[in-house]
Amino acid sequence: MSNTILRRIIHSSFAPAAIGPYSQAVLVDKTLYISGQLGLDAQTGSLVPGGVEAEAKKALDNMGHILEAAGISYKNVVKTTVLLADINDFGKVNDIYRQYFTENFPARAAYQVAALPRAGRVEIEAVAVVGVVEDMAKL
């Protein structure tokens, strides 16, 4: 029996390149760890205009491209962490988040932080599982 753990770097050219020494995502066996996504335009590397809602939408779109590169979707996401420059934006980000995660929501934590890269207003990271996800009835 092998104790080998498979690891693969996942990259999507439709999501912004990493802005530091890290990968967009790392797949370890059947678990995908997605680095924090900002509301960056993949072509320019700049924050999208329009405030926290536009940044949240773009961050989640970027996450979607990375999920697609791994052959999965938002349904496979089991945990997210939302980092906010201002906790007062929590409701606005939730409104956008709800458009991507519509039922059987992933576990989540949300924090206000002192600052985000590129003066972003929101950053979202995720953990997803690779494979067919079937939701069980609520206990």
C-alpha atoms as a PDB file:
ATOM      1  CA  MET A   1       0.000   0.000   0.000  1.00  0.00           C
ATOM      2  CA  SER A   2       1.393   3.358  -1.016  1.00  0.00           C
ATOM      3  CA  ASN A   3       1.577   6.330   1.306  1.00  0.00           C
ATOM      4  CA  THR A   4       2.054   8.694  -1.617  1.00  0.00           C
ATOM      5  CA  ILE A   5       0.032  11.886  -1.448  1.00  0.00           C
ATOM      6  CA  LEU A   6      -0.649  13.436  -4.822  1.00  0.00           C
ATOM      7  CA  ARG A   7      -0.176  17.181  -5.181  1.00  0.00           C
ATOM      8  CA  ARG A   8      -0.838  19.283  -8.273  1.00  0.00           C
ATOM      9  CA  ILE A   9      -0.699  23.021  -8.863  1.00  0.00           C
ATOM     10  CA  ILE A  10      -3.880  24.364 -10.457  1.00  0.00           C
ATOM     11  CA  HIS A  11      -3.708  27.468 -12.624  1.00  0.00           C
ATOM     12  CA  SER A  12      -6.220  29.310 -14.773  1.00  0.00           C
ATOM     13  CA  SER A  13      -5.160  31.989 -17.222  1.00  0.00           C
ATOM     14  CA  PHE A  14      -8.677  33.434 -16.824  1.00  0.00           C
ATOM     15  CA  ALA A  15      -7.934  34.315 -13.184  1.00  0.00           C
ATOM     16  CA  PRO A  16      -5.244  36.810 -12.165  1.00  0.00           C
ATOM     17  CA  ALA A  17      -1.737  35.496 -11.704  1.00  0.00           C
ATOM     18  CA  ALA A  18      -0.506  35.233  -8.132  1.00  0.00           C
ATOM     19  CA  ILE A  19       0.926  38.527  -6.874  1.00  0.00           C
ATOM     20  CA  GLY A  20       3.458  36.802  -4.642  1.00  0.00           C
ATOM     21  CA  PRO A  21       5.272  33.493  -4.168  1.00  0.00           C
ATOM     22  CA  TYR A  22       2.178  31.286  -4.052  1.00  0.00           C
ATOM     23  CA  SER A  23      -0.066  29.307  -6.394  1.00  0.00           C
ATOM     24  CA  GLN A  24      -3.624  30.144  -7.390  1.00  0.00           C
ATOM     25  CA  ALA A  25      -4.590  26.746  -6.011  1.00  0.00           C
ATOM     26  CA  VAL A  26      -3.081  23.462  -4.895  1.00  0.00           C
ATOM     27  CA  LEU A  27      -4.833  20.120  -5.254  1.00  0.00           C
ATOM     28  CA  VAL A  28      -3.797  17.576  -2.609  1.00  0.00           C
ATOM     29  CA  ASP A  29      -5.417  14.205  -3.276  1.00  0.00           C
ATOM     30  CA  LYS A  30      -9.095  15.226  -3.539  1.00  0.00           C
ATOM     31  CA  THR A  31      -8.898  18.532  -1.662  1.00  0.00           C
ATOM     32  CA  LEU A  32      -8.398  21.815  -3.513  1.00  0.00           C
ATOM     33  CA  TYR A  33      -7.000  24.786  -1.594  1.00  0.00           C
ATOM     34  CA  ILE A  34      -7.715  28.055  -3.404  1.00  0.00           C
ATOM     35  CA  SER A  35      -5.615  31.074  -2.470  1.00  0.00           C
ATOM     36  CA  GLY A  36      -7.382  34.278  -1.528  1.00  0.00           C
ATOM     37  CA  GLN A  37      -8.943  35.934  -4.544  1.00  0.00           C
ATOM     38  CA  LEU A  38      -9.179  39.689  -4.829  1.00  0.00           C
ATOM     39  CA  GLY A  39     -11.350  41.595  -7.268  1.00  0.00           C
ATOM     40  CA  LEU A  40      -8.511  41.794  -9.780  1.00  0.00           C
ATOM     41  CA  ASP A  41      -8.890  41.874 -13.538  1.00  0.00           C
ATOM     42  CA  ALA A  42      -6.868  38.976 -14.968  1.00  0.00           C
ATOM     43  CA  GLN A  43      -5.644  41.046 -17.923  1.00  0.00           C
ATOM     44  CA  THR A  44      -4.526  44.195 -16.119  1.00  0.00           C
ATOM     45  CA  GLY A  45      -3.867  42.935 -12.597  1.00  0.00           C
ATOM     46  CA  SER A  46      -5.766  45.964 -11.304  1.00  0.00           C
ATOM     47  CA  LEU A  47      -8.741  46.080  -8.973  1.00  0.00           C
ATOM     48  CA  VAL A  48     -12.030  46.374 -10.797  1.00  0.00           C
ATOM     49  CA  PRO A  49     -13.836  49.690 -10.292  1.00  0.00           C
ATOM     50  CA  GLY A  50     -17.193  49.861  -8.557  1.00  0.00           C
ATOM     51  CA  GLY A  51     -16.485  49.266  -4.892  1.00  0.00           C
ATOM     52  CA  VAL A  52     -16.803  46.248  -2.664  1.00  0.00           C
ATOM     53  CA  GLU A  53     -19.694  44.646  -4.579  1.00  0.00           C
ATOM     54  CA  ALA A  54     -17.804  44.712  -7.875  1.00  0.00           C
ATOM     55  CA  GLU A  55     -14.666  43.407  -6.147  1.00  0.00           C
ATOM     56  CA  ALA A  56     -16.592  40.569  -4.476  1.00  0.00           C
ATOM     57  CA  LYS A  57     -18.178  39.579  -7.792  1.00  0.00           C
ATOM     58  CA  LYS A  58     -14.829  39.588  -9.567  1.00  0.00           C
ATOM     59  CA  ALA A  59     -13.140  37.652  -6.744  1.00  0.00           C
ATOM     60  CA  LEU A  60     -15.838  34.972  -6.950  1.00  0.00           C
ATOM     61  CA  ASP A  61     -15.658  34.927 -10.761  1.00  0.00           C
ATOM     62  CA  ASN A  62     -11.893  34.425 -10.461  1.00  0.00           C
ATOM     63  CA  MET A  63     -12.509  31.602  -8.000  1.00  0.00           C
ATOM     64  CA  GLY A  64     -14.898  30.048 -10.515  1.00  0.00           C
ATOM     65  CA  HIS A  65     -12.200  30.021 -13.196  1.00  0.00           C
ATOM     66  CA  ILE A  66      -9.850  28.220 -10.816  1.00  0.00           C
ATOM     67  CA  LEU A  67     -12.555  25.717  -9.879  1.00  0.00           C
ATOM     68  CA  GLU A  68     -13.156  25.090 -13.601  1.00  0.00           C
ATOM     69  CA  ALA A  69      -9.421  24.533 -14.147  1.00  0.00           C
ATOM     70  CA  ALA A  70      -9.665  21.777 -11.529  1.00  0.00           C
ATOM     71  CA  GLY A  71     -12.729  20.308 -13.262  1.00  0.00           C
ATOM     72  CA  ILE A  72     -15.198  21.241 -10.518  1.00  0.00           C
ATOM     73  CA  SER A  73     -17.681  23.997  -9.639  1.00  0.00           C
ATOM     74  CA  TYR A  74     -18.932  26.155  -6.779  1.00  0.00           C
ATOM     75  CA  LYS A  75     -20.975  23.148  -5.590  1.00  0.00           C
ATOM     76  CA  ASN A  76     -17.684  21.481  -4.608  1.00  0.00           C
ATOM     77  CA  VAL A  77     -16.688  24.313  -2.254  1.00  0.00           C
ATOM     78  CA  VAL A  78     -16.926  23.210   1.381  1.00  0.00           C
ATOM     79  CA  LYS A  79     -15.278  26.144   3.208  1.00  0.00           C
ATOM     80  CA  THR A  80     -14.584  29.799   2.499  1.00  0.00           C
ATOM     81  CA  THR A  81     -12.904  32.602   4.374  1.00  0.00           C
ATOM     82  CA  VAL A  82     -13.917  36.180   3.625  1.00  0.00           C
ATOM     83  CA  LEU A  83     -11.498  38.958   4.538  1.00  0.00           C
ATOM     84  CA  LEU A  84     -12.963  42.452   4.635  1.00  0.00           C
ATOM     85  CA  ALA A  85     -11.230  45.816   4.831  1.00  0.00           C
ATOM     86  CA  ASP A  86     -14.401  47.107   6.523  1.00  0.00           C
ATOM     87  CA  ILE A  87     -16.771  44.790   8.419  1.00  0.00           C
ATOM     88  CA  ASN A  88     -19.584  47.202   7.529  1.00  0.00           C
ATOM     89  CA  ASP A  89     -19.361  45.757   3.991  1.00  0.00           C
ATOM     90  CA  PHE A  90     -20.413  42.332   5.336  1.00  0.00           C
ATOM     91  CA  GLY A  91     -24.017  42.652   4.101  1.00  0.00           C
ATOM     92  CA  LYS A  92     -23.021  43.890   0.647  1.00  0.00           C
ATOM     93  CA  VAL A  93     -20.580  41.010   0.209  1.00  0.00           C
ATOM     94  CA  ASN A  94     -23.212  38.527   1.437  1.00  0.00           C
ATOM     95  CA  ASP A  95     -25.607  39.736  -1.268  1.00  0.00           C
ATOM     96  CA  ILE A  96     -23.014  38.968  -3.956  1.00  0.00           C
ATOM     97  CA  TYR A  97     -21.866  35.719  -2.274  1.00  0.00           C
ATOM     98  CA  ARG A  98     -25.461  34.436  -2.263  1.00  0.00           C
ATOM     99  CA  GLN A  99     -25.508  34.663  -6.087  1.00  0.00           C
ATOM    100  CA  TYR A 100     -22.708  32.059  -6.282  1.00  0.00           C
ATOM    101  CA  PHE A 101     -23.630  29.841  -3.344  1.00  0.00           C
ATOM    102  CA  THR A 102     -27.401  29.409  -3.427  1.00  0.00           C
ATOM    103  CA  GLU A 103     -28.072  26.416  -1.164  1.00  0.00           C
ATOM    104  CA  ASN A 104     -26.242  24.029   1.139  1.00  0.00           C
ATOM    105  CA  PHE A 105     -23.798  26.820   1.840  1.00  0.00           C
ATOM    106  CA  PRO A 106     -20.125  26.097   2.536  1.00  0.00           C
ATOM    107  CA  ALA A 107     -18.826  26.586   6.049  1.00  0.00           C
ATOM    108  CA  ARG A 108     -17.441  30.107   6.315  1.00  0.00           C
ATOM    109  CA  ALA A 109     -15.565  32.581   8.446  1.00  0.00           C
ATOM    110  CA  ALA A 110     -15.436  36.334   7.874  1.00  0.00           C
ATOM    111  CA  TYR A 111     -12.999  38.808   9.386  1.00  0.00           C
ATOM    112  CA  GLN A 112     -12.171  42.472   9.202  1.00  0.00           C
ATOM    113  CA  VAL A 113      -8.467  42.944   8.546  1.00  0.00           C
ATOM    114  CA  ALA A 114      -6.207  45.987   8.784  1.00  0.00           C
ATOM    115  CA  ALA A 115      -5.433  45.981   5.056  1.00  0.00           C
ATOM    116  CA  LEU A 116      -5.589  43.810   1.948  1.00  0.00           C
ATOM    117  CA  PRO A 117      -3.149  43.632  -0.989  1.00  0.00           C
ATOM    118  CA  ARG A 118      -3.580  46.276  -3.681  1.00  0.00           C
ATOM    119  CA  ALA A 119      -5.868  48.203  -1.297  1.00  0.00           C
ATOM    120  CA  GLY A 120      -8.634  45.704  -1.980  1.00  0.00           C
ATOM    121  CA  ARG A 121     -11.883  45.793  -0.025  1.00  0.00           C
ATOM    122  CA  VAL A 122     -12.528  42.022  -0.003  1.00  0.00           C
ATOM    123  CA  GLU A 123     -10.536  38.807  -0.440  1.00  0.00           C
ATOM    124  CA  ILE A 124     -12.061  35.320  -0.518  1.00  0.00           C
ATOM    125  CA  GLU A 125     -10.240  32.002  -0.163  1.00  0.00           C
ATOM    126  CA  ALA A 126     -11.771  28.550  -0.399  1.00  0.00           C
ATOM    127  CA  VAL A 127     -11.379  24.843   0.158  1.00  0.00           C
ATOM    128  CA  ALA A 128     -13.154  22.497  -2.249  1.00  0.00           C
ATOM    129  CA  VAL A 129     -13.372  18.758  -2.799  1.00  0.00           C
ATOM    130  CA  VAL A 130     -12.843  17.047  -6.135  1.00  0.00           C
ATOM    131  CA  GLY A 131     -15.381  14.464  -7.170  1.00  0.00           C
ATOM    132  CA  VAL A 132     -19.121  14.128  -7.417  1.00  0.00           C
ATOM    133  CA  VAL A 133     -20.798  15.927  -4.524  1.00  0.00           C
ATOM    134  CA  GLU A 134     -24.174  14.630  -3.424  1.00  0.00           C
ATOM    135  CA  ASP A 135     -25.939  16.520  -0.669  1.00  0.00           C
ATOM    136  CA  MET A 136     -27.457  14.408   2.061  1.00  0.00           C
ATOM    137  CA  ALA A 137     -30.736  15.353   3.690  1.00  0.00           C
ATOM    138  CA  LYS A 138     -30.330  17.683   6.626  1.00  0.00           C
ATOM    139  CA  LEU A 139     -30.169  15.803   9.896  1.00  0.00           C
END
